[in-house]
Amino acid sequence: RSATITGSASFNLLVIVGLCIVVIPSNEIRRMKDMDVFVVTVVLMFFAYLWLAVIVVFITPEVIDLWEALVTLLGEPVLVYVAYMADIGFLR
């Protein structure tokens, strides 16, 4: 089921974020200097989950067509490209 895959991806993301928080010793404070790539990642992550919800619930309920899968897969290189552009300061 597609809900299982989406739920698993959400769980994995939360585990990764949780581990990133836990590994910093409690007596240390760390701050991110540049938030650009982080913001791009967060925005595109929410767009990806919204896209998955739309294709699974509305466009072709409970079925993923080939074109939907290809659009979803093309999202990864778009994410990498936009994050790179943010990293080099092109989006400021």
Protein backbone atom coordinates (compact mmCIF):
# COMPACT_ATOMS: atom_id res chain seq x y z
CA ARG A 1 0.00 0.00 0.00
CA SER A 2 1.16 3.49 -0.81
CA ALA A 3 0.25 4.78 2.66
CA THR A 4 2.76 2.34 4.14
CA ILE A 5 5.55 3.68 1.92
CA THR A 6 4.70 7.31 2.70
CA GLY A 7 4.42 6.57 6.42
CA SER A 8 7.74 4.77 6.36
CA ALA A 9 9.42 7.72 4.64
CA SER A 10 7.96 10.12 7.21
CA PHE A 11 9.12 7.91 10.06
CA ASN A 12 12.63 7.68 8.59
CA LEU A 13 12.79 11.47 8.28
CA LEU A 14 11.72 11.92 11.89
CA VAL A 15 14.30 9.37 13.08
CA ILE A 16 17.07 11.15 11.18
CA VAL A 17 16.07 14.53 12.63
CA GLY A 18 15.81 13.00 16.10
CA LEU A 19 19.27 11.43 15.87
CA CYS A 20 20.75 14.72 14.67
CA ILE A 21 19.35 16.36 17.79
CA VAL A 22 20.36 13.59 20.21
CA VAL A 23 24.01 13.33 19.12
CA ILE A 24 24.76 16.94 20.11
CA PRO A 25 25.84 16.95 23.77
CA SER A 26 23.36 18.75 26.04
CA ASN A 27 25.97 21.28 27.17
CA GLU A 28 26.64 22.43 23.57
CA ILE A 29 24.70 24.79 21.36
CA ARG A 30 25.11 24.71 17.60
CA ARG A 31 23.62 27.06 15.09
CA MET A 32 23.26 26.85 11.36
CA LYS A 33 25.11 29.68 9.61
CA ASP A 34 23.36 29.47 6.25
CA MET A 35 19.71 28.48 6.21
CA ASP A 36 19.21 28.62 2.43
CA VAL A 37 19.68 24.91 1.67
CA PHE A 38 17.71 23.94 4.77
CA VAL A 39 14.78 26.13 3.72
CA VAL A 40 14.85 24.73 0.16
CA THR A 41 14.85 21.18 1.54
CA VAL A 42 11.97 21.85 3.93
CA VAL A 43 9.82 23.58 1.30
CA LEU A 44 10.39 20.86 -1.29
CA MET A 45 9.81 18.14 1.36
CA PHE A 46 6.35 19.55 2.09
CA PHE A 47 5.66 19.84 -1.63
CA ALA A 48 6.72 16.18 -2.08
CA TYR A 49 4.36 14.96 0.64
CA LEU A 50 1.54 17.07 -0.80
CA TRP A 51 2.28 15.66 -4.27
CA LEU A 52 2.19 12.11 -2.91
CA ALA A 53 -1.12 12.74 -1.16
CA VAL A 54 -2.64 14.20 -4.34
CA ILE A 55 -1.56 11.31 -6.58
CA VAL A 56 -2.50 8.60 -4.09
CA VAL A 57 -5.85 10.02 -3.01
CA PHE A 58 -7.18 12.11 -5.89
CA ILE A 59 -5.55 11.53 -9.29
CA THR A 60 -5.45 7.72 -9.36
CA PRO A 61 -6.62 6.48 -5.95
CA GLU A 62 -4.45 3.71 -4.49
CA VAL A 63 -2.55 3.29 -7.78
CA ILE A 64 0.64 4.97 -8.98
CA ASP A 65 0.78 5.33 -12.75
CA LEU A 66 4.07 5.43 -14.64
CA TRP A 67 3.84 9.16 -15.36
CA GLU A 68 3.24 9.87 -11.66
CA ALA A 69 6.27 7.79 -10.73
CA LEU A 70 8.42 9.58 -13.30
CA VAL A 71 7.33 13.03 -12.11
CA THR A 72 8.08 11.94 -8.54
CA LEU A 73 11.53 10.63 -9.51
CA LEU A 74 12.32 13.83 -11.41
CA GLY A 75 11.74 15.69 -8.16
CA GLU A 76 15.04 14.41 -6.76
CA PRO A 77 17.34 16.00 -9.35
CA VAL A 78 15.26 19.18 -9.09
CA LEU A 79 15.82 19.17 -5.32
CA VAL A 80 19.56 18.65 -5.74
CA TYR A 81 19.81 21.40 -8.38
CA VAL A 82 17.79 23.96 -6.41
CA ALA A 83 19.66 23.11 -3.19
CA TYR A 84 22.97 23.56 -5.03
CA MET A 85 21.83 26.91 -6.41
CA ALA A 86 20.88 27.96 -2.87
CA ASP A 87 24.26 26.77 -1.59
CA ILE A 88 26.22 28.89 -4.04
CA GLY A 89 24.07 31.91 -3.23
CA PHE A 90 22.22 32.12 -6.55
CA LEU A 91 18.78 32.29 -4.89
CA ARG A 92 19.53 35.30 -2.67
